[in-house]
Amino acid sequence: MYLTIQAIVLRVTDYNDRDALLTVLSRNHGKLTIKARGLRRKNSPLTAPCQLLAYGEFTLFEYRGQYSINEAVSLELFQSLRKDLLKLAAATYFAQVSELISQEDIPNPELQSLLLNCLYGLSKLNLTHEFVKPVFELRAACLSGYTPDLFGCHICGCQNPDRFDLSAGMLECQGCRSDASPGIRLPVTPAVLEAMRYICLCNPKKLFSFEIGSDNLKLLSSLTEAYLTTQLERGFSTLDFYKSLLI
């Protein structure tokens, strides 16, 4: 049986001296593991469409429950992204998160659109990695079922609280917190709160249509990173590498 998909390559793993296994994210079939026969050979026609972060059209052949690539064509390689190490590191982090939160053979068009939009933003729109990173993290958390409650302090109802509970995903006023309350709270400014609300609720096509100052952007990025890793209960090697480049 043949299957044609449009997918982003999330990971490439050596299989043997000639072949490799790709983990890809498709719109209608979710995450798939596919074999790329001959990919590791010199001058393989699969080299471009099967590289990490490439977006391509793949014609697959299924045999005994294993998909193999019959044909592959590049749709977008995001070449300018590959010339900037920090942007490439951030994009690779996005891919690792996407692999974790997607599931085999379960459609996830929203996640694929998010990842494509972020790669497009980094490469075609020339947005900074500092700006795109928190947008991806918070929106990915929402798509994973961890949409935070951003409409007032969960204790007193104040619309402008100054703390965010990473574990509960709720806002809180500093004065409302009990000394015995568990969990970690991070400070949140009105500008950061406005940006978070926008990222969670906006039209996917307008993800980057907001402005935020540099100081608040740093606070937003720290908060979204901590929130995503707290909710997923794990860290990411690609995030560690990205952050090592910032030192």
C-alpha atoms as a PDB file:
ATOM      1  CA  MET A   1       0.000   0.000   0.000  1.00  0.00           C
ATOM      2  CA  TYR A   2       1.230   3.466  -0.914  1.00  0.00           C
ATOM      3  CA  LEU A   3       0.708   6.582   1.196  1.00  0.00           C
ATOM      4  CA  THR A   4       1.608  10.165   0.270  1.00  0.00           C
ATOM      5  CA  ILE A   5       2.200  12.658   3.070  1.00  0.00           C
ATOM      6  CA  GLN A   6       3.616  16.128   3.562  1.00  0.00           C
ATOM      7  CA  ALA A   7       5.808  16.066   6.650  1.00  0.00           C
ATOM      8  CA  ILE A   8       8.596  17.732   8.608  1.00  0.00           C
ATOM      9  CA  VAL A   9      11.651  15.681   9.526  1.00  0.00           C
ATOM     10  CA  LEU A  10      12.008  15.724  13.305  1.00  0.00           C
ATOM     11  CA  ARG A  11      14.878  13.280  13.706  1.00  0.00           C
ATOM     12  CA  VAL A  12      17.296  11.262  11.582  1.00  0.00           C
ATOM     13  CA  THR A  13      18.814   8.070  13.038  1.00  0.00           C
ATOM     14  CA  ASP A  14      21.414   5.856  11.364  1.00  0.00           C
ATOM     15  CA  TYR A  15      20.001   2.385  10.705  1.00  0.00           C
ATOM     16  CA  ASN A  16      22.969   0.716   9.022  1.00  0.00           C
ATOM     17  CA  ASP A  17      25.758   1.678   6.626  1.00  0.00           C
ATOM     18  CA  ARG A  18      23.288   2.542   3.874  1.00  0.00           C
ATOM     19  CA  ASP A  19      19.928   3.335   5.443  1.00  0.00           C
ATOM     20  CA  ALA A  20      18.458   5.655   8.055  1.00  0.00           C
ATOM     21  CA  LEU A  21      15.249   5.956  10.032  1.00  0.00           C
ATOM     22  CA  LEU A  22      13.332   9.225   9.981  1.00  0.00           C
ATOM     23  CA  THR A  23      10.857  10.456  12.547  1.00  0.00           C
ATOM     24  CA  VAL A  24       8.496  12.827  10.755  1.00  0.00           C
ATOM     25  CA  LEU A  25       5.460  14.892  11.675  1.00  0.00           C
ATOM     26  CA  SER A  26       2.632  14.810   9.150  1.00  0.00           C
ATOM     27  CA  ARG A  27      -0.641  16.684   9.129  1.00  0.00           C
ATOM     28  CA  ASN A  28      -3.088  13.808   8.795  1.00  0.00           C
ATOM     29  CA  HIS A  29      -1.122  10.893  10.224  1.00  0.00           C
ATOM     30  CA  GLY A  30       0.716  12.506  13.117  1.00  0.00           C
ATOM     31  CA  LYS A  31       4.159  11.171  13.945  1.00  0.00           C
ATOM     32  CA  LEU A  32       5.540   8.411  11.747  1.00  0.00           C
ATOM     33  CA  THR A  33       8.763   6.418  11.679  1.00  0.00           C
ATOM     34  CA  ILE A  34       9.891   5.706   8.133  1.00  0.00           C
ATOM     35  CA  LYS A  35      12.905   4.007   6.588  1.00  0.00           C
ATOM     36  CA  ALA A  36      14.999   5.937   4.095  1.00  0.00           C
ATOM     37  CA  ARG A  37      16.791   3.293   2.058  1.00  0.00           C
ATOM     38  CA  GLY A  38      20.155   4.393   0.703  1.00  0.00           C
ATOM     39  CA  LEU A  39      20.057   7.755   2.461  1.00  0.00           C
ATOM     40  CA  ARG A  40      23.584   7.346   3.827  1.00  0.00           C
ATOM     41  CA  ARG A  41      25.038   6.596   0.407  1.00  0.00           C
ATOM     42  CA  LYS A  42      26.979   9.307  -1.377  1.00  0.00           C
ATOM     43  CA  ASN A  43      24.841  11.427  -3.718  1.00  0.00           C
ATOM     44  CA  SER A  44      21.594   9.870  -2.528  1.00  0.00           C
ATOM     45  CA  PRO A  45      18.569  11.630  -4.097  1.00  0.00           C
ATOM     46  CA  LEU A  46      16.960  11.529  -0.636  1.00  0.00           C
ATOM     47  CA  THR A  47      19.614  13.688   1.020  1.00  0.00           C
ATOM     48  CA  ALA A  48      17.828  17.042   0.722  1.00  0.00           C
ATOM     49  CA  PRO A  49      14.223  16.089   1.580  1.00  0.00           C
ATOM     50  CA  CYS A  50      15.323  13.746   4.379  1.00  0.00           C
ATOM     51  CA  GLN A  51      17.565  16.126   6.321  1.00  0.00           C
ATOM     52  CA  LEU A  52      16.592  17.354   9.763  1.00  0.00           C
ATOM     53  CA  LEU A  53      13.900  20.084   9.694  1.00  0.00           C
ATOM     54  CA  ALA A  54      13.203  19.631   5.980  1.00  0.00           C
ATOM     55  CA  TYR A  55       9.575  19.853   4.904  1.00  0.00           C
ATOM     56  CA  GLY A  56       8.779  17.556   2.033  1.00  0.00           C
ATOM     57  CA  GLU A  57       6.324  15.329   0.244  1.00  0.00           C
ATOM     58  CA  PHE A  58       6.971  11.653   0.823  1.00  0.00           C
ATOM     59  CA  THR A  59       5.464   8.712  -1.029  1.00  0.00           C
ATOM     60  CA  LEU A  60       5.652   5.756   1.336  1.00  0.00           C
ATOM     61  CA  PHE A  61       5.319   2.033   0.811  1.00  0.00           C
ATOM     62  CA  GLU A  62       4.067  -0.061   3.716  1.00  0.00           C
ATOM     63  CA  TYR A  63       5.301  -3.618   4.148  1.00  0.00           C
ATOM     64  CA  ARG A  64       4.729  -5.656   7.302  1.00  0.00           C
ATOM     65  CA  GLY A  65       3.888  -2.588   9.333  1.00  0.00           C
ATOM     66  CA  GLN A  66       7.023  -0.646   8.302  1.00  0.00           C
ATOM     67  CA  TYR A  67       6.919   2.440   6.077  1.00  0.00           C
ATOM     68  CA  SER A  68       9.725   2.956   3.572  1.00  0.00           C
ATOM     69  CA  ILE A  69      10.266   5.936   1.307  1.00  0.00           C
ATOM     70  CA  ASN A  70       9.516   5.271  -2.334  1.00  0.00           C
ATOM     71  CA  GLU A  71       9.926   8.890  -3.448  1.00  0.00           C
ATOM     72  CA  ALA A  72      10.625  12.191  -1.683  1.00  0.00           C
ATOM     73  CA  VAL A  73      10.535  15.796  -2.877  1.00  0.00           C
ATOM     74  CA  SER A  74      11.633  18.877  -0.936  1.00  0.00           C
ATOM     75  CA  LEU A  75       8.970  21.523  -0.372  1.00  0.00           C
ATOM     76  CA  GLU A  76      10.978  23.800   1.936  1.00  0.00           C
ATOM     77  CA  LEU A  77      14.475  23.383   3.344  1.00  0.00           C
ATOM     78  CA  PHE A  78      14.655  26.621   5.375  1.00  0.00           C
ATOM     79  CA  GLN A  79      18.155  27.271   4.065  1.00  0.00           C
ATOM     80  CA  SER A  80      18.667  30.633   5.778  1.00  0.00           C
ATOM     81  CA  LEU A  81      17.869  29.007   9.119  1.00  0.00           C
ATOM     82  CA  ARG A  82      20.779  26.613   8.643  1.00  0.00           C
ATOM     83  CA  LYS A  83      23.242  29.490   8.336  1.00  0.00           C
ATOM     84  CA  ASP A  84      22.536  30.746  11.870  1.00  0.00           C
ATOM     85  CA  LEU A  85      23.650  28.346  14.617  1.00  0.00           C
ATOM     86  CA  LEU A  86      21.398  29.842  17.318  1.00  0.00           C
ATOM     87  CA  LYS A  87      18.320  29.727  15.104  1.00  0.00           C
ATOM     88  CA  LEU A  88      19.171  26.194  14.026  1.00  0.00           C
ATOM     89  CA  ALA A  89      19.620  25.133  17.663  1.00  0.00           C
ATOM     90  CA  ALA A  90      16.269  26.670  18.599  1.00  0.00           C
ATOM     91  CA  ALA A  91      14.545  24.947  15.665  1.00  0.00           C
ATOM     92  CA  THR A  92      16.070  21.597  16.620  1.00  0.00           C
ATOM     93  CA  TYR A  93      14.686  22.115  20.135  1.00  0.00           C
ATOM     94  CA  PHE A  94      11.246  22.759  18.642  1.00  0.00           C
ATOM     95  CA  ALA A  95      11.554  19.498  16.701  1.00  0.00           C
ATOM     96  CA  GLN A  96      12.469  17.510  19.811  1.00  0.00           C
ATOM     97  CA  VAL A  97       9.497  18.913  21.715  1.00  0.00           C
ATOM     98  CA  SER A  98       7.214  18.161  18.754  1.00  0.00           C
ATOM     99  CA  GLU A  99       8.418  14.577  18.663  1.00  0.00           C
ATOM    100  CA  LEU A 100       7.641  14.145  22.345  1.00  0.00           C
ATOM    101  CA  ILE A 101       4.137  15.618  22.323  1.00  0.00           C
ATOM    102  CA  SER A 102       2.957  14.041  19.044  1.00  0.00           C
ATOM    103  CA  GLN A 103       1.680  10.487  18.750  1.00  0.00           C
ATOM    104  CA  GLU A 104       2.024   7.752  16.151  1.00  0.00           C
ATOM    105  CA  ASP A 105      -0.729   7.710  13.506  1.00  0.00           C
ATOM    106  CA  ILE A 106      -2.855  10.333  15.291  1.00  0.00           C
ATOM    107  CA  PRO A 107      -3.534  13.468  13.203  1.00  0.00           C
ATOM    108  CA  ASN A 108      -2.088  16.642  14.667  1.00  0.00           C
ATOM    109  CA  PRO A 109      -2.470  19.423  12.097  1.00  0.00           C
ATOM    110  CA  GLU A 110      -2.263  22.156  14.742  1.00  0.00           C
ATOM    111  CA  LEU A 111       1.171  21.001  15.911  1.00  0.00           C
ATOM    112  CA  GLN A 112       2.505  20.674  12.386  1.00  0.00           C
ATOM    113  CA  SER A 113       1.227  24.169  11.583  1.00  0.00           C
ATOM    114  CA  LEU A 114       2.853  25.547  14.732  1.00  0.00           C
ATOM    115  CA  LEU A 115       6.218  24.019  13.912  1.00  0.00           C
ATOM    116  CA  LEU A 116       6.043  25.149  10.279  1.00  0.00           C
ATOM    117  CA  ASN A 117       5.067  28.681  11.318  1.00  0.00           C
ATOM    118  CA  CYS A 118       7.996  28.871  13.739  1.00  0.00           C
ATOM    119  CA  LEU A 119      10.486  27.579  11.179  1.00  0.00           C
ATOM    120  CA  TYR A 120       9.070  30.019   8.638  1.00  0.00           C
ATOM    121  CA  GLY A 121       9.281  32.844  11.161  1.00  0.00           C
ATOM    122  CA  LEU A 122      12.936  32.136  11.894  1.00  0.00           C
ATOM    123  CA  SER A 123      13.952  31.767   8.257  1.00  0.00           C
ATOM    124  CA  LYS A 124      11.597  33.702   5.986  1.00  0.00           C
ATOM    125  CA  LEU A 125      10.407  36.453   8.332  1.00  0.00           C
ATOM    126  CA  ASN A 126      13.847  36.753   9.918  1.00  0.00           C
ATOM    127  CA  LEU A 127      12.381  36.856  13.422  1.00  0.00           C
ATOM    128  CA  THR A 128      14.828  36.429  16.287  1.00  0.00           C
ATOM    129  CA  HIS A 129      15.157  33.119  18.078  1.00  0.00           C
ATOM    130  CA  GLU A 130      14.527  34.986  21.333  1.00  0.00           C
ATOM    131  CA  PHE A 131      11.084  36.018  20.062  1.00  0.00           C
ATOM    132  CA  VAL A 132      10.008  32.748  18.405  1.00  0.00           C
ATOM    133  CA  LYS A 133      11.083  30.453  21.264  1.00  0.00           C
ATOM    134  CA  PRO A 134       8.498  31.526  23.896  1.00  0.00           C
ATOM    135  CA  VAL A 135       5.759  31.588  21.276  1.00  0.00           C
ATOM    136  CA  PHE A 136       6.475  27.977  20.362  1.00  0.00           C
ATOM    137  CA  GLU A 137       6.809  26.842  23.975  1.00  0.00           C
ATOM    138  CA  LEU A 138       3.548  28.293  25.235  1.00  0.00           C
ATOM    139  CA  ARG A 139       1.521  27.318  22.182  1.00  0.00           C
ATOM    140  CA  ALA A 140       2.990  23.792  22.298  1.00  0.00           C
ATOM    141  CA  ALA A 141       1.984  23.539  25.957  1.00  0.00           C
ATOM    142  CA  CYS A 142      -1.571  24.512  24.988  1.00  0.00           C
ATOM    143  CA  LEU A 143      -1.677  21.896  22.216  1.00  0.00           C
ATOM    144  CA  SER A 144      -0.472  19.289  24.725  1.00  0.00           C
ATOM    145  CA  GLY A 145      -3.449  19.956  26.983  1.00  0.00           C
ATOM    146  CA  TYR A 146      -1.715  22.338  29.385  1.00  0.00           C
ATOM    147  CA  THR A 147      -3.424  25.618  28.530  1.00  0.00           C
ATOM    148  CA  PRO A 148      -2.801  27.882  31.533  1.00  0.00           C
ATOM    149  CA  ASP A 149      -5.543  29.818  33.309  1.00  0.00           C
ATOM    150  CA  LEU A 150      -4.586  33.416  32.564  1.00  0.00           C
ATOM    151  CA  PHE A 151      -7.750  35.274  33.550  1.00  0.00           C
ATOM    152  CA  GLY A 152      -7.062  36.515  37.032  1.00  0.00           C
ATOM    153  CA  CYS A 153      -5.712  35.383  40.376  1.00  0.00           C
ATOM    154  CA  HIS A 154      -7.209  31.996  41.133  1.00  0.00           C
ATOM    155  CA  ILE A 155      -7.646  33.031  44.778  1.00  0.00           C
ATOM    156  CA  CYS A 156      -8.945  36.612  44.803  1.00  0.00           C
ATOM    157  CA  GLY A 157      -9.863  37.090  41.150  1.00  0.00           C
ATOM    158  CA  CYS A 158      -7.658  40.150  40.628  1.00  0.00           C
ATOM    159  CA  GLN A 159      -7.172  40.728  36.885  1.00  0.00           C
ATOM    160  CA  ASN A 160      -3.562  41.869  37.239  1.00  0.00           C
ATOM    161  CA  PRO A 161      -1.780  39.321  39.430  1.00  0.00           C
ATOM    162  CA  ASP A 162       2.004  39.351  39.646  1.00  0.00           C
ATOM    163  CA  ARG A 163       2.870  35.658  40.007  1.00  0.00           C
ATOM    164  CA  PHE A 164       2.470  32.528  37.854  1.00  0.00           C
ATOM    165  CA  ASP A 165       2.317  29.061  39.407  1.00  0.00           C
ATOM    166  CA  LEU A 166       4.326  26.733  37.156  1.00  0.00           C
ATOM    167  CA  SER A 167       2.783  23.494  38.418  1.00  0.00           C
ATOM    168  CA  ALA A 168      -0.849  24.608  38.587  1.00  0.00           C
ATOM    169  CA  GLY A 169      -0.682  26.804  35.500  1.00  0.00           C
ATOM    170  CA  MET A 170      -2.527  29.569  37.342  1.00  0.00           C
ATOM    171  CA  LEU A 171      -2.031  33.216  38.195  1.00  0.00           C
ATOM    172  CA  GLU A 172      -1.708  34.409  41.743  1.00  0.00           C
ATOM    173  CA  CYS A 173      -1.166  37.646  43.641  1.00  0.00           C
ATOM    174  CA  GLN A 174       1.913  37.762  45.839  1.00  0.00           C
ATOM    175  CA  GLY A 175      -0.227  38.636  48.851  1.00  0.00           C
ATOM    176  CA  CYS A 176      -2.554  35.682  48.274  1.00  0.00           C
ATOM    177  CA  ARG A 177       0.125  33.048  48.579  1.00  0.00           C
ATOM    178  CA  SER A 178       0.336  31.090  51.773  1.00  0.00           C
ATOM    179  CA  ASP A 179       3.786  30.296  53.119  1.00  0.00           C
ATOM    180  CA  ALA A 180       2.726  26.665  53.180  1.00  0.00           C
ATOM    181  CA  SER A 181       1.701  26.624  49.495  1.00  0.00           C
ATOM    182  CA  PRO A 182       3.787  24.160  47.448  1.00  0.00           C
ATOM    183  CA  GLY A 183       5.144  24.812  43.977  1.00  0.00           C
ATOM    184  CA  ILE A 184       7.245  27.446  42.272  1.00  0.00           C
ATOM    185  CA  ARG A 185       5.933  30.865  41.288  1.00  0.00           C
ATOM    186  CA  LEU A 186       7.624  33.149  38.785  1.00  0.00           C
ATOM    187  CA  PRO A 187       6.989  36.891  38.521  1.00  0.00           C
ATOM    188  CA  VAL A 188       4.764  38.082  35.711  1.00  0.00           C
ATOM    189  CA  THR A 189       4.402  41.683  34.516  1.00  0.00           C
ATOM    190  CA  PRO A 190       1.328  43.146  32.793  1.00  0.00           C
ATOM    191  CA  ALA A 191       3.195  43.093  29.451  1.00  0.00           C
ATOM    192  CA  VAL A 192       4.185  39.452  29.873  1.00  0.00           C
ATOM    193  CA  LEU A 193       0.655  38.505  30.894  1.00  0.00           C
ATOM    194  CA  GLU A 194      -0.771  40.271  27.850  1.00  0.00           C
ATOM    195  CA  ALA A 195       1.677  38.422  25.585  1.00  0.00           C
ATOM    196  CA  MET A 196       0.825  35.063  27.160  1.00  0.00           C
ATOM    197  CA  ARG A 197      -2.883  35.650  26.684  1.00  0.00           C
ATOM    198  CA  TYR A 198      -2.289  36.597  23.072  1.00  0.00           C
ATOM    199  CA  ILE A 199      -0.143  33.536  22.307  1.00  0.00           C
ATOM    200  CA  CYS A 200      -2.705  31.175  23.832  1.00  0.00           C
ATOM    201  CA  LEU A 201      -5.765  32.651  22.127  1.00  0.00           C
ATOM    202  CA  CYS A 202      -4.708  34.218  18.828  1.00  0.00           C
ATOM    203  CA  ASN A 203      -5.370  32.940  15.322  1.00  0.00           C
ATOM    204  CA  PRO A 204      -2.511  30.574  14.395  1.00  0.00           C
ATOM    205  CA  LYS A 205      -1.764  32.690  11.329  1.00  0.00           C
ATOM    206  CA  LYS A 206      -1.094  35.719  13.548  1.00  0.00           C
ATOM    207  CA  LEU A 207       1.138  34.094  16.142  1.00  0.00           C
ATOM    208  CA  PHE A 208       3.870  36.685  15.802  1.00  0.00           C
ATOM    209  CA  SER A 209       1.667  39.773  15.501  1.00  0.00           C
ATOM    210  CA  PHE A 210       2.435  41.279  18.879  1.00  0.00           C
ATOM    211  CA  GLU A 211       5.154  43.428  20.365  1.00  0.00           C
ATOM    212  CA  ILE A 212       7.012  43.163  23.637  1.00  0.00           C
ATOM    213  CA  GLY A 213      10.056  44.947  25.051  1.00  0.00           C
ATOM    214  CA  SER A 214      13.400  43.203  25.448  1.00  0.00           C
ATOM    215  CA  ASP A 215      13.282  42.942  29.244  1.00  0.00           C
ATOM    216  CA  ASN A 216       9.765  41.528  29.235  1.00  0.00           C
ATOM    217  CA  LEU A 217      10.706  39.184  26.387  1.00  0.00           C
ATOM    218  CA  LYS A 218      13.465  37.675  28.536  1.00  0.00           C
ATOM    219  CA  LEU A 219      10.996  37.217  31.391  1.00  0.00           C
ATOM    220  CA  LEU A 220       8.438  35.686  29.021  1.00  0.00           C
ATOM    221  CA  SER A 221      10.998  33.251  27.625  1.00  0.00           C
ATOM    222  CA  SER A 222      12.117  32.119  31.081  1.00  0.00           C
ATOM    223  CA  LEU A 223       8.523  31.611  32.130  1.00  0.00           C
ATOM    224  CA  THR A 224       7.357  29.671  29.058  1.00  0.00           C
ATOM    225  CA  GLU A 225      10.445  27.467  29.143  1.00  0.00           C
ATOM    226  CA  ALA A 226       9.949  26.653  32.810  1.00  0.00           C
ATOM    227  CA  TYR A 227       6.226  26.072  32.323  1.00  0.00           C
ATOM    228  CA  LEU A 228       6.650  23.686  29.391  1.00  0.00           C
ATOM    229  CA  THR A 229       9.387  21.616  31.027  1.00  0.00           C
ATOM    230  CA  THR A 230       7.459  21.524  34.314  1.00  0.00           C
ATOM    231  CA  GLN A 231       4.288  20.291  32.661  1.00  0.00           C
ATOM    232  CA  LEU A 232       6.094  17.729  30.485  1.00  0.00           C
ATOM    233  CA  GLU A 233       8.210  16.698  33.476  1.00  0.00           C
ATOM    234  CA  ARG A 234      11.461  16.514  31.565  1.00  0.00           C
ATOM    235  CA  GLY A 235      14.284  18.506  30.080  1.00  0.00           C
ATOM    236  CA  PHE A 236      15.619  18.525  26.522  1.00  0.00           C
ATOM    237  CA  SER A 237      19.182  18.002  25.347  1.00  0.00           C
ATOM    238  CA  THR A 238      18.548  20.357  22.434  1.00  0.00           C
ATOM    239  CA  LEU A 239      17.440  23.082  24.849  1.00  0.00           C
ATOM    240  CA  ASP A 240      20.614  22.600  26.876  1.00  0.00           C
ATOM    241  CA  PHE A 241      22.682  22.988  23.709  1.00  0.00           C
ATOM    242  CA  TYR A 242      20.748  26.085  22.656  1.00  0.00           C
ATOM    243  CA  LYS A 243      21.290  27.680  26.040  1.00  0.00           C
ATOM    244  CA  SER A 244      24.989  26.804  26.003  1.00  0.00           C
ATOM    245  CA  LEU A 245      25.356  28.944  22.887  1.00  0.00           C
ATOM    246  CA  LEU A 246      23.990  31.953  24.734  1.00  0.00           C
ATOM    247  CA  ILE A 247      26.719  31.937  27.383  1.00  0.00           C
END
